[in-house]
Amino acid sequence: MAENWYYVQKGNRQGPVGQDVIVSMIAKQELRGEDFVWKKGFDNWKKIKYVSELQATEQPAAPAIPAAPVA
């Protein structure tokens, strides 16, 4: 059974939604590390940046551009 997540956007509580929706919103930068989420089992609302299940969803930095070959 999928867990129900809630999030705060523009000062309003939204949800319930599945974790896949939260992950998608983070990937699209619709939610950021400073935004709050909650699910059953949490004592209180938590910032996304402190929720371990959502940490792997942050986009990695782009790799460095390789140097041009020297002729």
PDB file of N, CA and C in Angstrom:
ATOM      1  N   MET A   1       0.836  -1.193   0.000  1.00  0.00           N
ATOM      2  CA  MET A   1       0.000   0.000   0.000  1.00  0.00           C
ATOM      3  C   MET A   1       0.876   1.250   0.000  1.00  0.00           C
ATOM      4  N   ALA A   2       0.595   2.161  -0.882  1.00  0.00           N
ATOM      5  CA  ALA A   2       1.366   3.400  -0.981  1.00  0.00           C
ATOM      6  C   ALA A   2       1.063   4.316   0.197  1.00  0.00           C
ATOM      7  N   GLU A   3       2.101   5.010   0.631  1.00  0.00           N
ATOM      8  CA  GLU A   3       1.920   5.946   1.738  1.00  0.00           C
ATOM      9  C   GLU A   3       1.320   7.242   1.226  1.00  0.00           C
ATOM     10  N   ASN A   4       0.522   7.850   2.064  1.00  0.00           N
ATOM     11  CA  ASN A   4      -0.039   9.159   1.740  1.00  0.00           C
ATOM     12  C   ASN A   4       0.867  10.246   2.283  1.00  0.00           C
ATOM     13  N   TRP A   5       1.275  11.150   1.415  1.00  0.00           N
ATOM     14  CA  TRP A   5       2.111  12.282   1.774  1.00  0.00           C
ATOM     15  C   TRP A   5       1.285  13.557   1.641  1.00  0.00           C
ATOM     16  N   TYR A   6       1.638  14.537   2.442  1.00  0.00           N
ATOM     17  CA  TYR A   6       1.054  15.871   2.361  1.00  0.00           C
ATOM     18  C   TYR A   6       2.200  16.848   2.221  1.00  0.00           C
ATOM     19  N   TYR A   7       1.950  17.957   1.571  1.00  0.00           N
ATOM     20  CA  TYR A   7       2.977  18.976   1.403  1.00  0.00           C
ATOM     21  C   TYR A   7       2.335  20.345   1.511  1.00  0.00           C
ATOM     22  N   VAL A   8       3.188  21.349   1.755  1.00  0.00           N
ATOM     23  CA  VAL A   8       2.714  22.729   1.846  1.00  0.00           C
ATOM     24  C   VAL A   8       3.224  23.474   0.630  1.00  0.00           C
ATOM     25  N   GLN A   9       2.291  24.106  -0.073  1.00  0.00           N
ATOM     26  CA  GLN A   9       2.662  24.902  -1.238  1.00  0.00           C
ATOM     27  C   GLN A   9       1.870  26.201  -1.191  1.00  0.00           C
ATOM     28  N   LYS A  10       2.586  27.315  -1.245  1.00  0.00           N
ATOM     29  CA  LYS A  10       1.979  28.648  -1.174  1.00  0.00           C
ATOM     30  C   LYS A  10       1.128  28.797   0.088  1.00  0.00           C
ATOM     31  N   GLY A  11       1.620  28.209   1.187  1.00  0.00           N
ATOM     32  CA  GLY A  11       0.951  28.346   2.469  1.00  0.00           C
ATOM     33  C   GLY A  11      -0.252  27.452   2.672  1.00  0.00           C
ATOM     34  N   ASN A  12      -0.562  26.597   1.705  1.00  0.00           N
ATOM     35  CA  ASN A  12      -1.717  25.711   1.805  1.00  0.00           C
ATOM     36  C   ASN A  12      -1.296  24.254   1.834  1.00  0.00           C
ATOM     37  N   ARG A  13      -1.934  23.480   2.713  1.00  0.00           N
ATOM     38  CA  ARG A  13      -1.667  22.049   2.783  1.00  0.00           C
ATOM     39  C   ARG A  13      -2.306  21.370   1.579  1.00  0.00           C
ATOM     40  N   GLN A  14      -1.532  20.491   0.945  1.00  0.00           N
ATOM     41  CA  GLN A  14      -1.992  19.753  -0.226  1.00  0.00           C
ATOM     42  C   GLN A  14      -1.859  18.260   0.047  1.00  0.00           C
ATOM     43  N   GLY A  15      -2.683  17.448  -0.574  1.00  0.00           N
ATOM     44  CA  GLY A  15      -2.564  16.010  -0.427  1.00  0.00           C
ATOM     45  C   GLY A  15      -3.875  15.415   0.039  1.00  0.00           C
ATOM     46  N   PRO A  16      -3.930  14.140   0.170  1.00  0.00           N
ATOM     47  CA  PRO A  16      -2.799  13.209   0.117  1.00  0.00           C
ATOM     48  C   PRO A  16      -2.392  12.863  -1.313  1.00  0.00           C
ATOM     49  N   VAL A  17      -1.090  12.610  -1.465  1.00  0.00           N
ATOM     50  CA  VAL A  17      -0.532  12.157  -2.739  1.00  0.00           C
ATOM     51  C   VAL A  17       0.472  11.049  -2.435  1.00  0.00           C
ATOM     52  N   GLY A  18       0.818  10.281  -3.444  1.00  0.00           N
ATOM     53  CA  GLY A  18       1.826   9.239  -3.289  1.00  0.00           C
ATOM     54  C   GLY A  18       3.226   9.828  -3.310  1.00  0.00           C
ATOM     55  N   GLN A  19       4.189   9.068  -2.815  1.00  0.00           N
ATOM     56  CA  GLN A  19       5.579   9.530  -2.805  1.00  0.00           C
ATOM     57  C   GLN A  19       6.059   9.836  -4.212  1.00  0.00           C
ATOM     58  N   ASP A  20       5.565   9.100  -5.210  1.00  0.00           N
ATOM     59  CA  ASP A  20       5.972   9.349  -6.595  1.00  0.00           C
ATOM     60  C   ASP A  20       5.612  10.761  -7.039  1.00  0.00           C
ATOM     61  N   VAL A  21       4.504  11.296  -6.546  1.00  0.00           N
ATOM     62  CA  VAL A  21       4.109  12.667  -6.884  1.00  0.00           C
ATOM     63  C   VAL A  21       5.079  13.661  -6.250  1.00  0.00           C
ATOM     64  N   ILE A  22       5.443  13.430  -4.990  1.00  0.00           N
ATOM     65  CA  ILE A  22       6.402  14.311  -4.306  1.00  0.00           C
ATOM     66  C   ILE A  22       7.738  14.286  -5.047  1.00  0.00           C
ATOM     67  N   VAL A  23       8.196  13.083  -5.397  1.00  0.00           N
ATOM     68  CA  VAL A  23       9.467  12.927  -6.116  1.00  0.00           C
ATOM     69  C   VAL A  23       9.422  13.680  -7.446  1.00  0.00           C
ATOM     70  N   SER A  24       8.330  13.558  -8.161  1.00  0.00           N
ATOM     71  CA  SER A  24       8.175  14.249  -9.438  1.00  0.00           C
ATOM     72  C   SER A  24       8.199  15.764  -9.253  1.00  0.00           C
ATOM     73  N   MET A  25       7.532  16.238  -8.218  1.00  0.00           N
ATOM     74  CA  MET A  25       7.497  17.681  -7.962  1.00  0.00           C
ATOM     75  C   MET A  25       8.881  18.220  -7.593  1.00  0.00           C
ATOM     76  N   ILE A  26       9.660  17.416  -6.869  1.00  0.00           N
ATOM     77  CA  ILE A  26      11.029  17.829  -6.536  1.00  0.00           C
ATOM     78  C   ILE A  26      11.868  17.878  -7.811  1.00  0.00           C
ATOM     79  N   ALA A  27      11.734  16.861  -8.650  1.00  0.00           N
ATOM     80  CA  ALA A  27      12.498  16.818  -9.903  1.00  0.00           C
ATOM     81  C   ALA A  27      12.181  18.015 -10.798  1.00  0.00           C
ATOM     82  N   LYS A  28      10.924  18.458 -10.779  1.00  0.00           N
ATOM     83  CA  LYS A  28      10.508  19.615 -11.582  1.00  0.00           C
ATOM     84  C   LYS A  28      10.776  20.937 -10.864  1.00  0.00           C
ATOM     85  N   GLN A  29      11.349  20.849  -9.669  1.00  0.00           N
ATOM     86  CA  GLN A  29      11.640  22.007  -8.820  1.00  0.00           C
ATOM     87  C   GLN A  29      10.380  22.769  -8.428  1.00  0.00           C
ATOM     88  N   GLU A  30       9.253  22.046  -8.376  1.00  0.00           N
ATOM     89  CA  GLU A  30       8.019  22.625  -7.866  1.00  0.00           C
ATOM     90  C   GLU A  30       8.028  22.592  -6.335  1.00  0.00           C
ATOM     91  N   LEU A  31       8.790  21.664  -5.766  1.00  0.00           N
ATOM     92  CA  LEU A  31       9.054  21.600  -4.339  1.00  0.00           C
ATOM     93  C   LEU A  31      10.561  21.610  -4.165  1.00  0.00           C
ATOM     94  N   ARG A  32      11.015  22.256  -3.099  1.00  0.00           N
ATOM     95  CA  ARG A  32      12.452  22.375  -2.831  1.00  0.00           C
ATOM     96  C   ARG A  32      12.756  21.921  -1.414  1.00  0.00           C
ATOM     97  N   GLY A  33      14.013  21.857  -1.085  1.00  0.00           N
ATOM     98  CA  GLY A  33      14.459  21.391   0.219  1.00  0.00           C
ATOM     99  C   GLY A  33      13.872  22.136   1.404  1.00  0.00           C
ATOM    100  N   GLU A  34      13.517  23.388   1.215  1.00  0.00           N
ATOM    101  CA  GLU A  34      12.965  24.198   2.307  1.00  0.00           C
ATOM    102  C   GLU A  34      11.455  24.014   2.476  1.00  0.00           C
ATOM    103  N   ASP A  35      10.808  23.314   1.550  1.00  0.00           N
ATOM    104  CA  ASP A  35       9.366  23.089   1.647  1.00  0.00           C
ATOM    105  C   ASP A  35       9.079  21.956   2.630  1.00  0.00           C
ATOM    106  N   PHE A  36       7.870  21.975   3.204  1.00  0.00           N
ATOM    107  CA  PHE A  36       7.491  21.017   4.233  1.00  0.00           C
ATOM    108  C   PHE A  36       6.641  19.884   3.675  1.00  0.00           C
ATOM    109  N   VAL A  37       6.884  18.672   4.230  1.00  0.00           N
ATOM    110  CA  VAL A  37       6.088  17.492   3.912  1.00  0.00           C
ATOM    111  C   VAL A  37       5.740  16.786   5.217  1.00  0.00           C
ATOM    112  N   TRP A  38       4.709  15.933   5.139  1.00  0.00           N
ATOM    113  CA  TRP A  38       4.305  15.131   6.288  1.00  0.00           C
ATOM    114  C   TRP A  38       3.695  13.837   5.796  1.00  0.00           C
ATOM    115  N   LYS A  39       3.908  12.765   6.560  1.00  0.00           N
ATOM    116  CA  LYS A  39       3.243  11.484   6.328  1.00  0.00           C
ATOM    117  C   LYS A  39       3.042  10.826   7.680  1.00  0.00           C
ATOM    118  N   LYS A  40       2.188   9.823   7.714  1.00  0.00           N
ATOM    119  CA  LYS A  40       1.919   9.103   8.952  1.00  0.00           C
ATOM    120  C   LYS A  40       3.232   8.567   9.510  1.00  0.00           C
ATOM    121  N   GLY A  41       3.437   8.760  10.793  1.00  0.00           N
ATOM    122  CA  GLY A  41       4.671   8.329  11.439  1.00  0.00           C
ATOM    123  C   GLY A  41       5.581   9.492  11.783  1.00  0.00           C
ATOM    124  N   PHE A  42       5.413  10.628  11.108  1.00  0.00           N
ATOM    125  CA  PHE A  42       6.185  11.825  11.437  1.00  0.00           C
ATOM    126  C   PHE A  42       5.581  12.466  12.684  1.00  0.00           C
ATOM    127  N   ASP A  43       6.432  12.996  13.559  1.00  0.00           N
ATOM    128  CA  ASP A  43       5.949  13.722  14.731  1.00  0.00           C
ATOM    129  C   ASP A  43       5.371  15.068  14.339  1.00  0.00           C
ATOM    130  N   ASN A  44       5.934  15.660  13.299  1.00  0.00           N
ATOM    131  CA  ASN A  44       5.530  16.985  12.856  1.00  0.00           C
ATOM    132  C   ASN A  44       5.933  17.141  11.390  1.00  0.00           C
ATOM    133  N   TRP A  45       5.594  18.274  10.792  1.00  0.00           N
ATOM    134  CA  TRP A  45       6.006  18.574   9.424  1.00  0.00           C
ATOM    135  C   TRP A  45       7.525  18.648   9.379  1.00  0.00           C
ATOM    136  N   LYS A  46       8.112  18.183   8.275  1.00  0.00           N
ATOM    137  CA  LYS A  46       9.567  18.217   8.101  1.00  0.00           C
ATOM    138  C   LYS A  46       9.910  18.896   6.785  1.00  0.00           C
ATOM    139  N   LYS A  47      11.039  19.601   6.799  1.00  0.00           N
ATOM    140  CA  LYS A  47      11.543  20.146   5.544  1.00  0.00           C
ATOM    141  C   LYS A  47      12.039  18.990   4.689  1.00  0.00           C
ATOM    142  N   ILE A  48      11.805  19.089   3.402  1.00  0.00           N
ATOM    143  CA  ILE A  48      12.198  18.028   2.471  1.00  0.00           C
ATOM    144  C   ILE A  48      13.674  17.677   2.626  1.00  0.00           C
ATOM    145  N   LYS A  49      14.516  18.669   2.856  1.00  0.00           N
ATOM    146  CA  LYS A  49      15.953  18.402   2.944  1.00  0.00           C
ATOM    147  C   LYS A  49      16.318  17.519   4.138  1.00  0.00           C
ATOM    148  N   TYR A  50      15.399  17.332   5.087  1.00  0.00           N
ATOM    149  CA  TYR A  50      15.654  16.478   6.248  1.00  0.00           C
ATOM    150  C   TYR A  50      14.946  15.126   6.166  1.00  0.00           C
ATOM    151  N   VAL A  51      14.303  14.830   5.051  1.00  0.00           N
ATOM    152  CA  VAL A  51      13.573  13.570   4.895  1.00  0.00           C
ATOM    153  C   VAL A  51      14.427  12.630   4.049  1.00  0.00           C
ATOM    154  N   SER A  52      14.970  11.605   4.696  1.00  0.00           N
ATOM    155  CA  SER A  52      15.923  10.720   4.019  1.00  0.00           C
ATOM    156  C   SER A  52      15.334  10.048   2.779  1.00  0.00           C
ATOM    157  N   GLU A  53      14.049   9.682   2.823  1.00  0.00           N
ATOM    158  CA  GLU A  53      13.440   9.019   1.662  1.00  0.00           C
ATOM    159  C   GLU A  53      13.421   9.906   0.422  1.00  0.00           C
ATOM    160  N   LEU A  54      13.502  11.207   0.621  1.00  0.00           N
ATOM    161  CA  LEU A  54      13.412  12.137  -0.505  1.00  0.00           C
ATOM    162  C   LEU A  54      14.766  12.696  -0.921  1.00  0.00           C
ATOM    163  N   GLN A  55      15.824  12.371  -0.195  1.00  0.00           N
ATOM    164  CA  GLN A  55      17.142  12.917  -0.509  1.00  0.00           C
ATOM    165  C   GLN A  55      17.673  12.415  -1.834  1.00  0.00           C
ATOM    166  N   ALA A  56      17.430  11.173  -2.177  1.00  0.00           N
ATOM    167  CA  ALA A  56      17.937  10.619  -3.426  1.00  0.00           C
ATOM    168  C   ALA A  56      17.234  11.215  -4.635  1.00  0.00           C
ATOM    169  N   THR A  57      16.138  11.970  -4.399  1.00  0.00           N
ATOM    170  CA  THR A  57      15.386  12.515  -5.517  1.00  0.00           C
ATOM    171  C   THR A  57      15.943  13.839  -6.012  1.00  0.00           C
ATOM    172  N   GLU A  58      16.870  14.431  -5.244  1.00  0.00           N
ATOM    173  CA  GLU A  58      17.436  15.700  -5.700  1.00  0.00           C
ATOM    174  C   GLU A  58      18.282  15.448  -6.930  1.00  0.00           C
ATOM    175  N   GLN A  59      18.246  16.384  -7.852  1.00  0.00           N
ATOM    176  CA  GLN A  59      18.968  16.235  -9.110  1.00  0.00           C
ATOM    177  C   GLN A  59      20.465  16.408  -8.877  1.00  0.00           C
ATOM    178  N   PRO A  60      21.278  15.489  -9.362  1.00  0.00           N
ATOM    179  CA  PRO A  60      22.725  15.645  -9.221  1.00  0.00           C
ATOM    180  C   PRO A  60      23.236  16.773 -10.109  1.00  0.00           C
ATOM    181  N   ALA A  61      24.356  17.324  -9.722  1.00  0.00           N
ATOM    182  CA  ALA A  61      24.960  18.378 -10.530  1.00  0.00           C
ATOM    183  C   ALA A  61      25.416  17.786 -11.859  1.00  0.00           C
ATOM    184  N   ALA A  62      25.371  18.579 -12.897  1.00  0.00           N
ATOM    185  CA  ALA A  62      25.810  18.125 -14.216  1.00  0.00           C
ATOM    186  C   ALA A  62      27.315  17.871 -14.174  1.00  0.00           C
ATOM    187  N   PRO A  63      27.782  16.860 -14.866  1.00  0.00           N
ATOM    188  CA  PRO A  63      29.229  16.598 -14.878  1.00  0.00           C
ATOM    189  C   PRO A  63      29.973  17.737 -15.571  1.00  0.00           C
ATOM    190  N   ALA A  64      31.239  17.877 -15.208  1.00  0.00           N
ATOM    191  CA  ALA A  64      32.060  18.924 -15.814  1.00  0.00           C
ATOM    192  C   ALA A  64      32.243  18.653 -17.298  1.00  0.00           C
ATOM    193  N   ILE A  65      32.367  19.721 -18.046  1.00  0.00           N
ATOM    194  CA  ILE A  65      32.601  19.605 -19.485  1.00  0.00           C
ATOM    195  C   ILE A  65      34.078  19.224 -19.684  1.00  0.00           C
ATOM    196  N   PRO A  66      34.331  18.154 -20.443  1.00  0.00           N
ATOM    197  CA  PRO A  66      35.735  17.750 -20.633  1.00  0.00           C
ATOM    198  C   PRO A  66      36.501  18.813 -21.408  1.00  0.00           C
ATOM    199  N   ALA A  67      37.798  18.887 -21.105  1.00  0.00           N
ATOM    200  CA  ALA A  67      38.661  19.840 -21.807  1.00  0.00           C
ATOM    201  C   ALA A  67      38.797  19.407 -23.260  1.00  0.00           C
ATOM    202  N   ALA A  68      38.944  20.411 -24.123  1.00  0.00           N
ATOM    203  CA  ALA A  68      39.144  20.117 -25.547  1.00  0.00           C
ATOM    204  C   ALA A  68      40.507  19.474 -25.728  1.00  0.00           C
ATOM    205  N   PRO A  69      40.602  18.495 -26.618  1.00  0.00           N
ATOM    206  CA  PRO A  69      41.910  17.848 -26.850  1.00  0.00           C
ATOM    207  C   PRO A  69      42.925  18.860 -27.388  1.00  0.00           C
ATOM    208  N   VAL A  70      44.152  18.692 -26.949  1.00  0.00           N
ATOM    209  CA  VAL A  70      45.218  19.571 -27.414  1.00  0.00           C
ATOM    210  C   VAL A  70      45.781  19.010 -28.709  1.00  0.00           C
ATOM    211  N   ALA A  71      45.895  19.866 -29.721  1.00  0.00           N
ATOM    212  CA  ALA A  71      46.375  19.412 -31.026  1.00  0.00           C
ATOM    213  C   ALA A  71      47.867  19.386 -31.093  1.00  0.00           C
TER     214      ALA A  71
END
